[in-house]
Structure formats: structure tokens, C-alpha cells
C-alpha atoms as a PDB file:
ATOM      1  CA  UNK A   1      36.989  40.476  38.964  1.00  0.00           C
ATOM      2  CA  UNK A   2      35.642  42.479  41.873  1.00  0.00           C
ATOM      3  CA  UNK A   3      36.384  41.046  45.280  1.00  0.00           C
ATOM      4  CA  UNK A   4      33.399  39.029  46.500  1.00  0.00           C
ATOM      5  CA  UNK A   5      32.801  38.463  50.213  1.00  0.00           C
ATOM      6  CA  UNK A   6      30.561  35.545  51.066  1.00  0.00           C
ATOM      7  CA  UNK A   7      29.383  34.156  54.391  1.00  0.00           C
ATOM      8  CA  UNK A   8      29.236  30.394  54.767  1.00  0.00           C
ATOM      9  CA  UNK A   9      27.650  28.704  57.796  1.00  0.00           C
ATOM     10  CA  UNK A  10      29.976  26.690  60.015  1.00  0.00           C
ATOM     11  CA  UNK A  11      27.027  24.835  61.553  1.00  0.00           C
ATOM     12  CA  UNK A  12      23.303  24.665  60.801  1.00  0.00           C
ATOM     13  CA  UNK A  13      20.906  23.950  63.678  1.00  0.00           C
ATOM     14  CA  UNK A  14      17.579  22.860  62.217  1.00  0.00           C
ATOM     15  CA  UNK A  15      14.212  21.127  62.699  1.00  0.00           C
ATOM     16  CA  UNK A  16      13.417  22.566  66.117  1.00  0.00           C
ATOM     17  CA  UNK A  17      10.965  25.406  65.414  1.00  0.00           C
ATOM     18  CA  UNK A  18       7.546  25.502  63.787  1.00  0.00           C
ATOM     19  CA  UNK A  19       7.278  29.289  63.938  1.00  0.00           C
ATOM     20  CA  UNK A  20       9.601  32.198  63.159  1.00  0.00           C
ATOM     21  CA  UNK A  21      12.601  32.478  65.493  1.00  0.00           C
ATOM     22  CA  UNK A  22      12.467  35.888  67.191  1.00  0.00           C
ATOM     23  CA  UNK A  23      15.597  35.771  69.371  1.00  0.00           C
ATOM     24  CA  UNK A  24      18.812  33.862  70.031  1.00  0.00           C
ATOM     25  CA  UNK A  25      20.919  34.183  73.187  1.00  0.00           C
ATOM     26  CA  UNK A  26      24.264  32.581  74.002  1.00  0.00           C
ATOM     27  CA  UNK A  27      24.697  31.345  77.566  1.00  0.00           C
ATOM     28  CA  UNK A  28      27.530  32.564  79.790  1.00  0.00           C
ATOM     29  CA  UNK A  29      28.793  28.958  80.019  1.00  0.00           C
ATOM     30  CA  UNK A  30      29.795  29.283  76.323  1.00  0.00           C
ATOM     31  CA  UNK A  31      28.528  25.755  75.792  1.00  0.00           C
ATOM     32  CA  UNK A  32      24.822  26.330  75.204  1.00  0.00           C
ATOM     33  CA  UNK A  33      22.452  28.848  73.673  1.00  0.00           C
ATOM     34  CA  UNK A  34      18.696  29.211  73.351  1.00  0.00           C
ATOM     35  CA  UNK A  35      16.453  29.970  70.403  1.00  0.00           C
ATOM     36  CA  UNK A  36      12.937  31.340  70.782  1.00  0.00           C
ATOM     37  CA  UNK A  37       9.807  31.376  68.656  1.00  0.00           C
ATOM     38  CA  UNK A  38       6.241  32.480  69.425  1.00  0.00           C
ATOM     39  CA  UNK A  39       5.414  29.465  71.583  1.00  0.00           C
ATOM     40  CA  UNK A  40       8.624  27.663  72.533  1.00  0.00           C
ATOM     41  CA  UNK A  41      12.147  28.206  73.833  1.00  0.00           C
ATOM     42  CA  UNK A  42      14.755  25.567  72.983  1.00  0.00           C
ATOM     43  CA  UNK A  43      18.159  25.003  74.573  1.00  0.00           C
ATOM     44  CA  UNK A  44      20.991  23.884  72.292  1.00  0.00           C
ATOM     45  CA  UNK A  45      24.529  22.647  72.782  1.00  0.00           C
ATOM     46  CA  UNK A  46      26.857  24.567  70.465  1.00  0.00           C
ATOM     47  CA  UNK A  47      28.459  21.303  69.315  1.00  0.00           C
ATOM     48  CA  UNK A  48      25.218  19.363  68.657  1.00  0.00           C
ATOM     49  CA  UNK A  49      23.241  20.536  65.643  1.00  0.00           C
ATOM     50  CA  UNK A  50      20.561  17.877  65.231  1.00  0.00           C
ATOM     51  CA  UNK A  51      18.725  18.045  68.552  1.00  0.00           C
ATOM     52  CA  UNK A  52      17.731  20.549  71.219  1.00  0.00           C
ATOM     53  CA  UNK A  53      16.000  20.506  74.601  1.00  0.00           C
ATOM     54  CA  UNK A  54      12.670  22.287  75.034  1.00  0.00           C
ATOM     55  CA  UNK A  55      12.731  24.454  78.193  1.00  0.00           C
ATOM     56  CA  UNK A  56       9.566  26.565  77.716  1.00  0.00           C
ATOM     57  CA  UNK A  57       6.374  25.554  75.895  1.00  0.00           C
ATOM     58  CA  UNK A  58       3.275  27.756  76.154  1.00  0.00           C
ATOM     59  CA  UNK A  59       1.360  26.098  73.314  1.00  0.00           C
ATOM     60  CA  UNK A  60      -2.135  25.180  74.559  1.00  0.00           C
ATOM     61  CA  UNK A  61      -3.795  21.877  73.658  1.00  0.00           C
ATOM     62  CA  UNK A  62      -6.383  23.892  71.744  1.00  0.00           C
ATOM     63  CA  UNK A  63      -4.873  26.777  69.736  1.00  0.00           C
ATOM     64  CA  UNK A  64      -8.139  28.702  70.081  1.00  0.00           C
ATOM     65  CA  UNK A  65      -7.262  29.111  73.763  1.00  0.00           C
ATOM     66  CA  UNK A  66      -3.975  30.883  72.944  1.00  0.00           C
ATOM     67  CA  UNK A  67      -3.913  34.265  74.717  1.00  0.00           C
ATOM     68  CA  UNK A  68      -0.272  35.374  74.376  1.00  0.00           C
ATOM     69  CA  UNK A  69       2.959  34.642  72.515  1.00  0.00           C
ATOM     70  CA  UNK A  70       6.638  34.885  73.427  1.00  0.00           C
ATOM     71  CA  UNK A  71       8.263  37.986  71.929  1.00  0.00           C
ATOM     72  CA  UNK A  72      11.911  37.780  73.095  1.00  0.00           C
ATOM     73  CA  UNK A  73      14.237  35.914  75.453  1.00  0.00           C
ATOM     74  CA  UNK A  74      17.741  36.346  76.849  1.00  0.00           C
ATOM     75  CA  UNK A  75      20.166  34.605  79.203  1.00  0.00           C
ATOM     76  CA  UNK A  76      21.533  36.376  82.284  1.00  0.00           C
ATOM     77  CA  UNK A  77      25.027  37.770  81.481  1.00  0.00           C
ATOM     78  CA  UNK A  78      26.816  35.745  84.173  1.00  0.00           C
ATOM     79  CA  UNK A  79      24.329  33.333  85.783  1.00  0.00           C
ATOM     80  CA  UNK A  80      24.106  30.397  83.374  1.00  0.00           C
ATOM     81  CA  UNK A  81      20.958  29.001  85.002  1.00  0.00           C
ATOM     82  CA  UNK A  82      18.865  32.176  84.711  1.00  0.00           C
ATOM     83  CA  UNK A  83      17.013  33.629  81.721  1.00  0.00           C
ATOM     84  CA  UNK A  84      14.065  35.920  81.014  1.00  0.00           C
ATOM     85  CA  UNK A  85      11.421  35.997  78.314  1.00  0.00           C
ATOM     86  CA  UNK A  86       8.800  38.588  77.447  1.00  0.00           C
ATOM     87  CA  UNK A  87       5.277  38.208  76.128  1.00  0.00           C
ATOM     88  CA  UNK A  88       2.728  39.981  73.961  1.00  0.00           C
ATOM     89  CA  UNK A  89       0.674  40.643  77.115  1.00  0.00           C
ATOM     90  CA  UNK A  90       3.318  42.975  78.521  1.00  0.00           C
ATOM     91  CA  UNK A  91       4.799  40.591  81.081  1.00  0.00           C
ATOM     92  CA  UNK A  92       8.394  39.486  81.702  1.00  0.00           C
ATOM     93  CA  UNK A  93       9.108  36.108  83.296  1.00  0.00           C
ATOM     94  CA  UNK A  94      12.339  35.219  85.068  1.00  0.00           C
ATOM     95  CA  UNK A  95      13.145  31.499  84.984  1.00  0.00           C
ATOM     96  CA  UNK A  96      15.672  29.340  86.838  1.00  0.00           C
ATOM     97  CA  UNK A  97      16.731  26.129  85.063  1.00  0.00           C
ATOM     98  CA  UNK A  98      17.820  24.658  88.398  1.00  0.00           C
ATOM     99  CA  UNK A  99      14.196  24.528  89.583  1.00  0.00           C
ATOM    100  CA  UNK A 100      12.970  22.138  86.872  1.00  0.00           C
ATOM    101  CA  UNK A 101      13.889  20.960  83.400  1.00  0.00           C
ATOM    102  CA  UNK A 102      10.771  22.530  81.881  1.00  0.00           C
ATOM    103  CA  UNK A 103      10.552  26.188  82.913  1.00  0.00           C
ATOM    104  CA  UNK A 104       6.855  26.740  82.194  1.00  0.00           C
ATOM    105  CA  UNK A 105       6.500  27.842  85.817  1.00  0.00           C
ATOM    106  CA  UNK A 106       8.503  31.043  86.229  1.00  0.00           C
ATOM    107  CA  UNK A 107      10.431  32.122  89.319  1.00  0.00           C
ATOM    108  CA  UNK A 108       9.357  35.765  89.070  1.00  0.00           C
ATOM    109  CA  UNK A 109       6.805  37.718  87.056  1.00  0.00           C
ATOM    110  CA  UNK A 110       7.363  41.379  86.186  1.00  0.00           C
ATOM    111  CA  UNK A 111       4.212  43.138  85.044  1.00  0.00           C
ATOM    112  CA  UNK A 112       3.219  46.787  85.202  1.00  0.00           C
ATOM    113  CA  UNK A 113      -0.456  47.376  86.074  1.00  0.00           C
ATOM    114  CA  UNK A 114      -2.427  49.076  83.337  1.00  0.00           C
ATOM    115  CA  UNK A 115      -3.574  52.656  83.887  1.00  0.00           C
ATOM    116  CA  UNK A 116      -7.383  52.583  83.341  1.00  0.00           C
ATOM    117  CA  UNK A 117      -7.339  56.227  82.199  1.00  0.00           C
ATOM    118  CA  UNK A 118      -5.125  55.300  79.222  1.00  0.00           C
ATOM    119  CA  UNK A 119      -7.258  52.334  78.138  1.00  0.00           C
ATOM    120  CA  UNK A 120      -8.087  52.318  74.420  1.00  0.00           C
ATOM    121  CA  UNK A 121      -8.819  50.019  71.489  1.00  0.00           C
ATOM    122  CA  UNK A 122      -5.057  49.667  70.958  1.00  0.00           C
ATOM    123  CA  UNK A 123      -4.069  49.033  74.606  1.00  0.00           C
ATOM    124  CA  UNK A 124      -3.623  45.290  74.239  1.00  0.00           C
ATOM    125  CA  UNK A 125      -1.493  45.649  71.094  1.00  0.00           C
ATOM    126  CA  UNK A 126       0.835  48.386  72.340  1.00  0.00           C
ATOM    127  CA  UNK A 127       1.322  46.675  75.725  1.00  0.00           C
ATOM    128  CA  UNK A 128       3.232  43.895  73.925  1.00  0.00           C
ATOM    129  CA  UNK A 129       6.958  43.903  74.768  1.00  0.00           C
ATOM    130  CA  UNK A 130       9.201  44.205  71.707  1.00  0.00           C
ATOM    131  CA  UNK A 131      12.497  43.286  73.316  1.00  0.00           C
ATOM    132  CA  UNK A 132      14.051  42.288  76.647  1.00  0.00           C
ATOM    133  CA  UNK A 133      17.697  42.815  77.600  1.00  0.00           C
ATOM    134  CA  UNK A 134      19.738  42.285  80.748  1.00  0.00           C
ATOM    135  CA  UNK A 135      22.253  45.027  81.425  1.00  0.00           C
ATOM    136  CA  UNK A 136      25.906  43.975  81.486  1.00  0.00           C
ATOM    137  CA  UNK A 137      25.825  44.012  85.285  1.00  0.00           C
ATOM    138  CA  UNK A 138      22.780  41.763  85.378  1.00  0.00           C
ATOM    139  CA  UNK A 139      20.244  44.456  86.267  1.00  0.00           C
ATOM    140  CA  UNK A 140      17.558  45.862  84.018  1.00  0.00           C
ATOM    141  CA  UNK A 141      15.389  48.929  84.197  1.00  0.00           C
ATOM    142  CA  UNK A 142      13.188  46.478  86.051  1.00  0.00           C
ATOM    143  CA  UNK A 143      14.881  45.519  89.304  1.00  0.00           C
ATOM    144  CA  UNK A 144      14.879  41.717  89.609  1.00  0.00           C
ATOM    145  CA  UNK A 145      13.962  42.118  93.287  1.00  0.00           C
ATOM    146  CA  UNK A 146      10.965  44.384  92.620  1.00  0.00           C
ATOM    147  CA  UNK A 147       8.213  42.802  90.571  1.00  0.00           C
ATOM    148  CA  UNK A 148       5.422  45.336  91.020  1.00  0.00           C
ATOM    149  CA  UNK A 149       6.706  48.209  88.871  1.00  0.00           C
ATOM    150  CA  UNK A 150       9.689  49.295  86.762  1.00  0.00           C
ATOM    151  CA  UNK A 151      12.532  51.298  88.260  1.00  0.00           C
ATOM    152  CA  UNK A 152      12.562  53.644  85.273  1.00  0.00           C
ATOM    153  CA  UNK A 153      10.290  54.341  82.309  1.00  0.00           C
ATOM    154  CA  UNK A 154      11.309  56.145  79.125  1.00  0.00           C
ATOM    155  CA  UNK A 155       8.741  57.390  76.625  1.00  0.00           C
ATOM    156  CA  UNK A 156      10.070  56.453  73.183  1.00  0.00           C
ATOM    157  CA  UNK A 157       7.126  56.928  70.821  1.00  0.00           C
ATOM    158  CA  UNK A 158       4.839  59.155  72.886  1.00  0.00           C
ATOM    159  CA  UNK A 159       4.383  61.558  69.957  1.00  0.00           C
ATOM    160  CA  UNK A 160       2.750  58.717  67.968  1.00  0.00           C
ATOM    161  CA  UNK A 161      -0.295  58.371  70.245  1.00  0.00           C
ATOM    162  CA  UNK A 162      -2.379  60.411  67.793  1.00  0.00           C
ATOM    163  CA  UNK A 163      -1.211  58.151  64.936  1.00  0.00           C
ATOM    164  CA  UNK A 164      -2.254  54.779  66.369  1.00  0.00           C
ATOM    165  CA  UNK A 165      -5.087  54.400  63.833  1.00  0.00           C
ATOM    166  CA  UNK A 166      -2.703  54.932  60.923  1.00  0.00           C
ATOM    167  CA  UNK A 167      -0.120  52.590  62.439  1.00  0.00           C
ATOM    168  CA  UNK A 168      -2.821  49.948  62.902  1.00  0.00           C
ATOM    169  CA  UNK A 169      -4.046  50.258  59.311  1.00  0.00           C
ATOM    170  CA  UNK A 170      -0.564  49.830  57.819  1.00  0.00           C
ATOM    171  CA  UNK A 171       0.435  47.085  60.332  1.00  0.00           C
ATOM    172  CA  UNK A 172       3.297  49.207  61.714  1.00  0.00           C
ATOM    173  CA  UNK A 173       1.749  48.960  65.157  1.00  0.00           C
ATOM    174  CA  UNK A 174       3.126  45.387  65.279  1.00  0.00           C
ATOM    175  CA  UNK A 175       6.731  46.488  64.580  1.00  0.00           C
ATOM    176  CA  UNK A 176       9.253  45.268  67.149  1.00  0.00           C
ATOM    177  CA  UNK A 177      12.001  47.753  67.983  1.00  0.00           C
ATOM    178  CA  UNK A 178      15.056  46.268  69.682  1.00  0.00           C
ATOM    179  CA  UNK A 179      16.768  48.028  72.575  1.00  0.00           C
ATOM    180  CA  UNK A 180      20.443  47.942  73.597  1.00  0.00           C
ATOM    181  CA  UNK A 181      22.639  49.120  76.479  1.00  0.00           C
ATOM    182  CA  UNK A 182      25.953  50.889  76.149  1.00  0.00           C
ATOM    183  CA  UNK A 183      29.018  49.253  77.721  1.00  0.00           C
ATOM    184  CA  UNK A 184      28.615  50.986  81.093  1.00  0.00           C
ATOM    185  CA  UNK A 185      24.827  50.492  81.394  1.00  0.00           C
ATOM    186  CA  UNK A 186      24.342  54.264  81.581  1.00  0.00           C
ATOM    187  CA  UNK A 187      22.600  54.789  78.223  1.00  0.00           C
ATOM    188  CA  UNK A 188      19.753  52.960  76.468  1.00  0.00           C
ATOM    189  CA  UNK A 189      19.201  53.094  72.702  1.00  0.00           C
ATOM    190  CA  UNK A 190      16.320  52.028  70.494  1.00  0.00           C
ATOM    191  CA  UNK A 191      15.040  52.760  67.003  1.00  0.00           C
ATOM    192  CA  UNK A 192      11.984  54.551  65.675  1.00  0.00           C
ATOM    193  CA  UNK A 193      10.292  55.571  62.430  1.00  0.00           C
ATOM    194  CA  UNK A 194      11.616  57.988  59.809  1.00  0.00           C
ATOM    195  CA  UNK A 195      15.040  56.343  60.327  1.00  0.00           C
ATOM    196  CA  UNK A 196      15.235  57.975  63.751  1.00  0.00           C
ATOM    197  CA  UNK A 197      16.969  56.353  66.706  1.00  0.00           C
ATOM    198  CA  UNK A 198      16.799  57.524  70.308  1.00  0.00           C
ATOM    199  CA  UNK A 199      19.210  57.473  73.258  1.00  0.00           C
ATOM    200  CA  UNK A 200      18.296  57.891  76.920  1.00  0.00           C
ATOM    201  CA  UNK A 201      20.942  58.820  79.500  1.00  0.00           C
ATOM    202  CA  UNK A 202      19.976  57.194  82.794  1.00  0.00           C
ATOM    203  CA  UNK A 203      22.193  59.508  84.879  1.00  0.00           C
ATOM    204  CA  UNK A 204      21.235  62.911  83.478  1.00  0.00           C
ATOM    205  CA  UNK A 205      17.702  61.823  82.384  1.00  0.00           C
ATOM    206  CA  UNK A 206      18.371  63.531  79.051  1.00  0.00           C
ATOM    207  CA  UNK A 207      17.444  61.999  75.722  1.00  0.00           C
ATOM    208  CA  UNK A 208      18.350  62.703  72.117  1.00  0.00           C
ATOM    209  CA  UNK A 209      16.780  61.782  68.790  1.00  0.00           C
ATOM    210  CA  UNK A 210      19.126  61.277  65.833  1.00  0.00           C
ATOM    211  CA  UNK A 211      18.558  60.392  62.188  1.00  0.00           C
ATOM    212  CA  UNK A 212      20.378  57.833  60.039  1.00  0.00           C
ATOM    213  CA  UNK A 213      20.025  58.818  56.394  1.00  0.00           C
ATOM    214  CA  UNK A 214      22.272  58.852  53.358  1.00  0.00           C
ATOM    215  CA  UNK A 215      21.282  62.443  52.606  1.00  0.00           C
ATOM    216  CA  UNK A 216      22.278  63.787  56.017  1.00  0.00           C
ATOM    217  CA  UNK A 217      25.144  61.438  56.888  1.00  0.00           C
ATOM    218  CA  UNK A 218      28.397  62.354  55.228  1.00  0.00           C
ATOM    219  CA  UNK A 219      31.565  60.638  56.476  1.00  0.00           C
ATOM    220  CA  UNK A 220      32.756  62.134  59.786  1.00  0.00           C
ATOM    221  CA  UNK A 221      29.839  64.586  59.823  1.00  0.00           C
ATOM    222  CA  UNK A 222      28.357  65.412  63.228  1.00  0.00           C
ATOM    223  CA  UNK A 223      24.760  64.259  63.644  1.00  0.00           C
ATOM    224  CA  UNK A 224      22.297  66.989  64.572  1.00  0.00           C
ATOM    225  CA  UNK A 225      19.560  66.204  67.101  1.00  0.00           C
ATOM    226  CA  UNK A 226      16.052  65.954  65.640  1.00  0.00           C
ATOM    227  CA  UNK A 227      12.785  66.879  67.304  1.00  0.00           C
ATOM    228  CA  UNK A 228       9.245  65.823  66.417  1.00  0.00           C
ATOM    229  CA  UNK A 229       6.500  68.422  66.605  1.00  0.00           C
ATOM    230  CA  UNK A 230       3.081  67.096  67.662  1.00  0.00           C
ATOM    231  CA  UNK A 231       0.961  70.150  66.980  1.00  0.00           C
ATOM    232  CA  UNK A 232       0.865  73.936  66.844  1.00  0.00           C
ATOM    233  CA  UNK A 233       3.691  75.988  65.417  1.00  0.00           C
ATOM    234  CA  UNK A 234       6.676  74.065  64.107  1.00  0.00           C
ATOM    235  CA  UNK A 235      10.189  75.376  64.570  1.00  0.00           C
ATOM    236  CA  UNK A 236      12.718  75.363  61.775  1.00  0.00           C
ATOM    237  CA  UNK A 237      14.669  72.391  63.144  1.00  0.00           C
ATOM    238  CA  UNK A 238      11.569  70.312  63.959  1.00  0.00           C
ATOM    239  CA  UNK A 239       9.710  67.738  61.877  1.00  0.00           C
ATOM    240  CA  UNK A 240       5.937  67.353  62.080  1.00  0.00           C
ATOM    241  CA  UNK A 241       4.556  64.030  63.273  1.00  0.00           C
ATOM    242  CA  UNK A 242       2.396  64.092  60.120  1.00  0.00           C
ATOM    243  CA  UNK A 243       5.546  64.071  57.964  1.00  0.00           C
ATOM    244  CA  UNK A 244       7.118  60.951  59.471  1.00  0.00           C
ATOM    245  CA  UNK A 245       7.820  58.170  56.992  1.00  0.00           C
ATOM    246  CA  UNK A 246       6.595  54.936  58.594  1.00  0.00           C
ATOM    247  CA  UNK A 247       8.206  52.822  55.855  1.00  0.00           C
ATOM    248  CA  UNK A 248      11.636  53.920  57.098  1.00  0.00           C
ATOM    249  CA  UNK A 249      12.254  52.266  60.427  1.00  0.00           C
ATOM    250  CA  UNK A 250      15.227  51.257  62.567  1.00  0.00           C
ATOM    251  CA  UNK A 251      14.334  47.928  64.169  1.00  0.00           C
ATOM    252  CA  UNK A 252      17.864  46.650  64.882  1.00  0.00           C
ATOM    253  CA  UNK A 253      20.715  48.420  66.670  1.00  0.00           C
ATOM    254  CA  UNK A 254      23.927  47.321  68.402  1.00  0.00           C
ATOM    255  CA  UNK A 255      26.397  49.020  70.750  1.00  0.00           C
ATOM    256  CA  UNK A 256      30.100  48.143  70.980  1.00  0.00           C
ATOM    257  CA  UNK A 257      30.730  46.417  74.343  1.00  0.00           C
ATOM    258  CA  UNK A 258      33.617  48.721  75.350  1.00  0.00           C
ATOM    259  CA  UNK A 259      33.605  51.811  73.116  1.00  0.00           C
ATOM    260  CA  UNK A 260      31.054  54.413  72.059  1.00  0.00           C
ATOM    261  CA  UNK A 261      30.519  52.915  68.622  1.00  0.00           C
ATOM    262  CA  UNK A 262      27.031  51.987  67.468  1.00  0.00           C
ATOM    263  CA  UNK A 263      25.626  50.106  64.480  1.00  0.00           C
ATOM    264  CA  UNK A 264      22.210  51.077  63.138  1.00  0.00           C
ATOM    265  CA  UNK A 265      20.282  49.082  60.526  1.00  0.00           C
ATOM    266  CA  UNK A 266      18.045  51.513  58.624  1.00  0.00           C
ATOM    267  CA  UNK A 267      16.019  49.593  56.026  1.00  0.00           C
ATOM    268  CA  UNK A 268      18.685  48.221  53.649  1.00  0.00           C
ATOM    269  CA  UNK A 269      21.545  50.404  54.911  1.00  0.00           C
ATOM    270  CA  UNK A 270      23.935  49.782  57.805  1.00  0.00           C
ATOM    271  CA  UNK A 271      25.356  52.874  59.530  1.00  0.00           C
ATOM    272  CA  UNK A 272      28.297  52.949  61.919  1.00  0.00           C
ATOM    273  CA  UNK A 273      28.535  55.959  64.219  1.00  0.00           C
ATOM    274  CA  UNK A 274      31.125  56.746  66.876  1.00  0.00           C
ATOM    275  CA  UNK A 275      31.987  59.405  69.413  1.00  0.00           C
ATOM    276  CA  UNK A 276      33.593  62.547  68.093  1.00  0.00           C
ATOM    277  CA  UNK A 277      37.249  61.785  67.317  1.00  0.00           C
ATOM    278  CA  UNK A 278      39.749  64.590  67.834  1.00  0.00           C
END
């Protein structure tokens, strides 16, 4: 018989969510973790599987009055009382569990004002935050002490602005791409369409687009940077924005906490890439 590898759950935590769970985050106390759905955030003890404590609830008495949903949440890497959650309205809320048991009232609100010149039919949809992550040092690209605007902004899908109608029609506009930090907080990575994933170096301000595909990825082969052409003449090494395959998307990525090794989930394939080894 072929060797079969099966995963069996050690514990099952159930009966706490009505809607799909969009994020899970383990606390730095290593005793608790939180699970998040569209309207609620629950706090669990790792040893107690049959009950949890609700710490955020944005469900209105009348569901017709619902204006936003929770999209992601994460604990601070070393402050066990602090966590953040993001919303579909483009806001990030910082909460302190020491203030009150129910954290419906946030400690800080991070929200970037909308540019009226960029207002369009899709503005409300694309302002939704897909993912929120603390850096390992506890800072983000938003400074926790500056609520009015981000410290840094990186354009990930700017070449898709002309494709918003197509993305809306095929529901891809609602895709949620996760973002991750490298171990030193110097590089950010996130996925894109056509099995592309992008890295942004915060020190050099350079970025690179790479592709995860079975056709182009032979073992130990060096990945070649890819570029997307928006219009006009296309160079030999570029791909036209009209040729992008929106059914191939990298929504989930992970970075090794200490080494330059990344995991990329491209549809039903998992790719592991690492720095060039001599």
C-alpha cells in the first residue's frame, strides 16, 4: 500500500459562529486565541472547547441597518491585551481588552480619507480591507500613534483599474488577498491574479512580481520577474493585462519566521520557494 498521511484534529472548537470564520489569531499569552466572522470576534481558551467569550459584536438589532462587516483580526505579537480588526469600509480598529470586556468601543481608529478624484462606482467595494497584520516588532505600515494616514502605501493591483467591470461581473472584485511580513519586517508579500505574487522591499522601495506555475517552476529553478503591460507596445518579457487569468489566484501566502523561505498556495498547488542556495 502507498503511504497515507492523514490529519486528525486534537480538539474541535464549535458552536460559536453563525457566519464563515475569516481569521484566527493566537494570543501571545499562549493560553487564548480569537476567531472572527463577519459580525463577531470570540475569545477562546485553548483548553476549553465548548464555550467562548464574545469580545466584539457589530450585529445591529435590525440586519437592514448593517453597513459594514469584519474582514480580519489579529492579536498584537507581544501585548496580550491588544488586538486589531479591519472592516469592509476600509477602517482598522485597535482594541484594548483592559478597557472593557466587550470591545465594541475601539481605542483607536485608523482610516485613510477617500480621494474624491478617484471616486467611482466600485470605490466602496475596493476600499474594503482584505487582511490586517502586525509586524513582528508590533508596528504596521500604519503607525499605531498616527491615525490620520498610513506611513507607507504600496500599489499592488494598480494595473487592474481598467478591469474593475470585468472583476465585478465575475465576482473576483470580492477576493481577499492575504499579506505577510518577512522575519525582519523589511519586506511585504501578497498574492495576485494569474498565479502572480508580489514583494515590496520597504528599505529600497523596490518591488518584484513573480509567478508560481507548474510550467515555469522546475525544482531549484530561478524565478524570473514578471511585468504586466497596461497598454501600448508590449515587450517580450511582459504580459498584457488583457491576458491575465482571473481564475488563477494566490490568496494565501506564508513566510518562514527566521529564514527566506515562503509558501504560496496557487489554486490547488502549494509551492515552496527559498533564497538562492549556493
